[in-house]
Amino acid sequence: MSERPGDEITAGAHTLSFTADFSRHNRIDKERKILPKEIVLTSADGEKRYPFTDTLTAELKNNSWYSVELWGSIDAQENMLLALAAPIYTK
């Protein structure tokens, strides 16, 4: 997310950007296959699932919190948590 982890942002439509660098793992184990598949946006209202993309536009409600998880596969093992972000709060 473009804001620092734990920051407050205004409610409304935001474009969330995702960057995950799996090359470090590939230097350690060249055979490892990491494939991001799904973004899970969690808030006080529950969770919403989206197919993986580098950017996602989401409507963030007032007085809530949001956290993002990246799910995918590692070496064809499905439903693996690949990355997560600290929550962001809306005002």
N, C-alpha and C. Protein backbone atom coordinates (compact mmCIF):
# COMPACT_ATOMS: atom_id res chain seq x y z
N MET A 1 0.84 -1.16 0.00
CA MET A 1 0.00 0.00 0.00
C MET A 1 0.90 1.23 0.00
N SER A 2 0.40 2.29 -0.53
CA SER A 2 1.25 3.45 -0.69
C SER A 2 1.51 4.19 0.61
N GLU A 3 0.70 4.01 1.62
CA GLU A 3 0.90 4.65 2.91
C GLU A 3 1.82 3.78 3.77
N ARG A 4 2.45 4.39 4.77
CA ARG A 4 3.26 3.61 5.70
C ARG A 4 2.36 2.66 6.47
N PRO A 5 2.86 1.45 6.84
CA PRO A 5 2.05 0.50 7.60
C PRO A 5 1.51 1.12 8.88
N GLY A 6 0.24 0.94 9.14
CA GLY A 6 -0.37 1.45 10.35
C GLY A 6 -0.87 2.87 10.24
N ASP A 7 -0.64 3.54 9.12
CA ASP A 7 -1.08 4.92 8.95
C ASP A 7 -2.59 5.01 8.82
N GLU A 8 -3.08 6.23 8.96
CA GLU A 8 -4.47 6.54 8.68
C GLU A 8 -4.56 7.17 7.30
N ILE A 9 -5.59 6.79 6.55
CA ILE A 9 -5.87 7.40 5.26
C ILE A 9 -7.34 7.77 5.23
N THR A 10 -7.71 8.64 4.31
CA THR A 10 -9.11 9.02 4.20
C THR A 10 -9.90 7.89 3.55
N ALA A 11 -11.15 7.78 3.93
CA ALA A 11 -12.03 6.79 3.33
C ALA A 11 -12.29 7.16 1.88
N GLY A 12 -12.72 6.20 1.08
CA GLY A 12 -13.03 6.45 -0.32
C GLY A 12 -12.33 5.47 -1.23
N ALA A 13 -12.35 5.76 -2.52
CA ALA A 13 -11.74 4.87 -3.50
C ALA A 13 -10.22 5.06 -3.49
N HIS A 14 -9.50 3.97 -3.38
CA HIS A 14 -8.04 3.99 -3.39
C HIS A 14 -7.53 2.91 -4.32
N THR A 15 -6.43 3.21 -4.98
CA THR A 15 -5.75 2.19 -5.76
C THR A 15 -4.63 1.63 -4.89
N LEU A 16 -4.70 0.35 -4.60
CA LEU A 16 -3.69 -0.32 -3.78
C LEU A 16 -2.68 -0.98 -4.70
N SER A 17 -1.41 -0.76 -4.44
CA SER A 17 -0.35 -1.34 -5.27
C SER A 17 0.38 -2.42 -4.47
N PHE A 18 0.68 -3.51 -5.14
CA PHE A 18 1.32 -4.66 -4.49
C PHE A 18 2.65 -4.96 -5.16
N THR A 19 3.67 -5.10 -4.35
CA THR A 19 4.97 -5.50 -4.84
C THR A 19 5.51 -6.59 -3.94
N ALA A 20 5.84 -7.71 -4.50
CA ALA A 20 6.43 -8.82 -3.75
C ALA A 20 7.63 -9.33 -4.53
N ASP A 21 8.78 -9.41 -3.87
CA ASP A 21 10.01 -9.84 -4.53
C ASP A 21 10.35 -11.25 -4.06
N PHE A 22 10.08 -12.22 -4.92
CA PHE A 22 10.37 -13.60 -4.59
C PHE A 22 11.73 -14.04 -5.09
N SER A 23 12.51 -13.11 -5.67
CA SER A 23 13.80 -13.49 -6.23
C SER A 23 14.79 -13.95 -5.16
N ARG A 24 14.66 -13.43 -3.94
CA ARG A 24 15.53 -13.87 -2.85
C ARG A 24 15.39 -15.36 -2.62
N HIS A 25 14.16 -15.84 -2.62
CA HIS A 25 13.93 -17.27 -2.44
C HIS A 25 14.50 -18.06 -3.62
N ASN A 26 14.38 -17.49 -4.81
CA ASN A 26 14.88 -18.18 -5.99
C ASN A 26 16.41 -18.27 -5.99
N ARG A 27 17.09 -17.30 -5.36
CA ARG A 27 18.55 -17.39 -5.25
C ARG A 27 18.94 -18.52 -4.29
N ILE A 28 18.14 -18.74 -3.26
CA ILE A 28 18.42 -19.79 -2.28
C ILE A 28 18.08 -21.16 -2.86
N ASP A 29 16.94 -21.25 -3.50
CA ASP A 29 16.48 -22.52 -4.05
C ASP A 29 15.96 -22.25 -5.47
N LYS A 30 16.80 -22.48 -6.46
CA LYS A 30 16.46 -22.14 -7.85
C LYS A 30 15.28 -22.94 -8.40
N GLU A 31 14.96 -24.04 -7.78
CA GLU A 31 13.86 -24.89 -8.26
C GLU A 31 12.51 -24.48 -7.69
N ARG A 32 12.51 -23.63 -6.69
CA ARG A 32 11.26 -23.23 -6.03
C ARG A 32 10.39 -22.43 -6.98
N LYS A 33 9.13 -22.80 -7.07
CA LYS A 33 8.16 -22.12 -7.94
C LYS A 33 7.11 -21.44 -7.06
N ILE A 34 7.15 -20.11 -7.02
CA ILE A 34 6.21 -19.33 -6.23
C ILE A 34 5.29 -18.60 -7.20
N LEU A 35 3.98 -18.82 -7.05
CA LEU A 35 3.01 -18.25 -7.97
C LEU A 35 1.90 -17.55 -7.18
N PRO A 36 1.87 -16.20 -7.16
CA PRO A 36 0.77 -15.49 -6.50
C PRO A 36 -0.53 -15.67 -7.29
N LYS A 37 -1.63 -15.91 -6.56
CA LYS A 37 -2.91 -16.17 -7.24
C LYS A 37 -4.06 -15.30 -6.75
N GLU A 38 -4.03 -14.89 -5.48
CA GLU A 38 -5.21 -14.23 -4.92
C GLU A 38 -4.80 -13.18 -3.89
N ILE A 39 -5.53 -12.06 -3.91
CA ILE A 39 -5.38 -11.01 -2.91
C ILE A 39 -6.61 -11.08 -2.00
N VAL A 40 -6.36 -11.09 -0.70
CA VAL A 40 -7.45 -11.08 0.28
C VAL A 40 -7.37 -9.75 1.03
N LEU A 41 -8.41 -8.93 0.87
CA LEU A 41 -8.52 -7.65 1.57
C LEU A 41 -9.44 -7.87 2.76
N THR A 42 -8.88 -7.77 3.96
CA THR A 42 -9.63 -8.02 5.18
C THR A 42 -9.90 -6.70 5.89
N SER A 43 -11.12 -6.57 6.42
CA SER A 43 -11.49 -5.37 7.17
C SER A 43 -12.41 -5.78 8.31
N ALA A 44 -12.87 -4.78 9.06
CA ALA A 44 -13.81 -5.04 10.14
C ALA A 44 -15.10 -5.67 9.61
N ASP A 45 -15.40 -5.47 8.33
CA ASP A 45 -16.61 -6.02 7.72
C ASP A 45 -16.43 -7.43 7.17
N GLY A 46 -15.22 -7.97 7.25
CA GLY A 46 -14.97 -9.31 6.71
C GLY A 46 -13.90 -9.26 5.66
N GLU A 47 -13.91 -10.24 4.76
CA GLU A 47 -12.87 -10.28 3.74
C GLU A 47 -13.47 -10.35 2.34
N LYS A 48 -12.71 -9.78 1.41
CA LYS A 48 -13.06 -9.86 -0.01
C LYS A 48 -11.86 -10.45 -0.73
N ARG A 49 -12.13 -11.32 -1.70
CA ARG A 49 -11.07 -11.99 -2.44
C ARG A 49 -11.06 -11.51 -3.89
N TYR A 50 -9.86 -11.29 -4.40
CA TYR A 50 -9.67 -10.81 -5.76
C TYR A 50 -8.58 -11.65 -6.43
N PRO A 51 -8.68 -11.87 -7.74
CA PRO A 51 -7.57 -12.52 -8.44
C PRO A 51 -6.33 -11.62 -8.33
N PHE A 52 -5.15 -12.22 -8.30
CA PHE A 52 -3.92 -11.45 -8.15
C PHE A 52 -3.70 -10.50 -9.33
N THR A 53 -3.32 -9.28 -9.00
CA THR A 53 -2.90 -8.27 -9.95
C THR A 53 -1.97 -7.32 -9.21
N ASP A 54 -1.19 -6.54 -9.93
CA ASP A 54 -0.25 -5.61 -9.28
C ASP A 54 -0.96 -4.44 -8.61
N THR A 55 -2.14 -4.09 -9.11
CA THR A 55 -2.91 -2.99 -8.52
C THR A 55 -4.36 -3.41 -8.37
N LEU A 56 -5.01 -2.82 -7.39
CA LEU A 56 -6.41 -3.13 -7.10
C LEU A 56 -7.06 -1.84 -6.64
N THR A 57 -8.21 -1.50 -7.21
CA THR A 57 -8.95 -0.34 -6.74
C THR A 57 -10.06 -0.83 -5.83
N ALA A 58 -10.10 -0.27 -4.61
CA ALA A 58 -11.08 -0.70 -3.63
C ALA A 58 -11.68 0.52 -2.94
N GLU A 59 -12.92 0.41 -2.58
CA GLU A 59 -13.61 1.46 -1.82
C GLU A 59 -13.41 1.16 -0.34
N LEU A 60 -12.75 2.06 0.38
CA LEU A 60 -12.47 1.87 1.80
C LEU A 60 -13.45 2.70 2.61
N LYS A 61 -14.13 2.06 3.54
CA LYS A 61 -15.14 2.73 4.35
C LYS A 61 -14.50 3.55 5.47
N ASN A 62 -15.24 4.51 5.97
CA ASN A 62 -14.80 5.37 7.05
C ASN A 62 -14.74 4.60 8.38
N ASN A 63 -13.81 4.98 9.24
CA ASN A 63 -13.65 4.40 10.58
C ASN A 63 -13.53 2.88 10.55
N SER A 64 -12.63 2.38 9.76
CA SER A 64 -12.41 0.95 9.67
C SER A 64 -10.91 0.69 9.58
N TRP A 65 -10.54 -0.56 9.42
CA TRP A 65 -9.14 -0.95 9.21
C TRP A 65 -9.11 -1.95 8.06
N TYR A 66 -7.97 -2.01 7.40
CA TYR A 66 -7.81 -2.90 6.25
C TYR A 66 -6.41 -3.53 6.29
N SER A 67 -6.37 -4.79 5.98
CA SER A 67 -5.10 -5.50 5.85
C SER A 67 -5.16 -6.34 4.58
N VAL A 68 -4.01 -6.58 3.99
CA VAL A 68 -3.95 -7.32 2.73
C VAL A 68 -3.07 -8.55 2.89
N GLU A 69 -3.53 -9.66 2.34
CA GLU A 69 -2.76 -10.89 2.30
C GLU A 69 -2.63 -11.33 0.85
N LEU A 70 -1.50 -11.91 0.51
CA LEU A 70 -1.26 -12.45 -0.82
C LEU A 70 -1.17 -13.97 -0.69
N TRP A 71 -2.03 -14.67 -1.39
CA TRP A 71 -2.08 -16.13 -1.35
C TRP A 71 -1.72 -16.70 -2.71
N GLY A 72 -1.18 -17.90 -2.70
CA GLY A 72 -0.83 -18.54 -3.96
C GLY A 72 -0.32 -19.94 -3.74
N SER A 73 0.57 -20.37 -4.62
CA SER A 73 1.12 -21.71 -4.51
C SER A 73 2.64 -21.65 -4.43
N ILE A 74 3.20 -22.61 -3.74
CA ILE A 74 4.64 -22.81 -3.67
C ILE A 74 4.90 -24.25 -4.06
N ASP A 75 5.64 -24.43 -5.14
CA ASP A 75 5.94 -25.78 -5.64
C ASP A 75 4.67 -26.60 -5.81
N ALA A 76 3.65 -26.00 -6.40
CA ALA A 76 2.36 -26.62 -6.70
C ALA A 76 1.54 -26.94 -5.45
N GLN A 77 1.99 -26.53 -4.28
CA GLN A 77 1.20 -26.69 -3.05
C GLN A 77 0.31 -25.46 -2.94
N GLU A 78 -1.00 -25.67 -3.02
CA GLU A 78 -1.97 -24.58 -3.09
C GLU A 78 -2.28 -23.98 -1.71
N ASN A 79 -2.94 -22.81 -1.74
CA ASN A 79 -3.43 -22.13 -0.55
C ASN A 79 -2.33 -21.83 0.46
N MET A 80 -1.24 -21.25 -0.06
CA MET A 80 -0.11 -20.88 0.79
C MET A 80 -0.11 -19.36 0.98
N LEU A 81 0.07 -18.90 2.23
CA LEU A 81 0.19 -17.47 2.50
C LEU A 81 1.58 -17.03 2.07
N LEU A 82 1.65 -16.12 1.10
CA LEU A 82 2.93 -15.67 0.55
C LEU A 82 3.42 -14.38 1.19
N ALA A 83 2.49 -13.47 1.52
CA ALA A 83 2.87 -12.18 2.09
C ALA A 83 1.66 -11.56 2.77
N LEU A 84 1.93 -10.63 3.70
CA LEU A 84 0.84 -9.88 4.33
C LEU A 84 1.34 -8.49 4.66
N ALA A 85 0.40 -7.58 4.83
CA ALA A 85 0.73 -6.18 5.11
C ALA A 85 0.13 -5.78 6.45
N ALA A 86 0.78 -4.85 7.12
CA ALA A 86 0.25 -4.30 8.35
C ALA A 86 -1.05 -3.55 8.04
N PRO A 87 -1.93 -3.43 9.01
CA PRO A 87 -3.21 -2.76 8.73
C PRO A 87 -3.05 -1.26 8.50
N ILE A 88 -3.99 -0.75 7.73
CA ILE A 88 -4.14 0.70 7.52
C ILE A 88 -5.52 1.07 8.02
N TYR A 89 -5.61 2.20 8.68
CA TYR A 89 -6.87 2.65 9.27
C TYR A 89 -7.44 3.80 8.47
N THR A 90 -8.78 3.86 8.38
CA THR A 90 -9.43 4.95 7.65
C THR A 90 -10.07 5.91 8.63
N LYS A 91 -10.09 7.18 8.21
CA LYS A 91 -10.71 8.22 9.05
C LYS A 91 -11.72 8.99 8.25
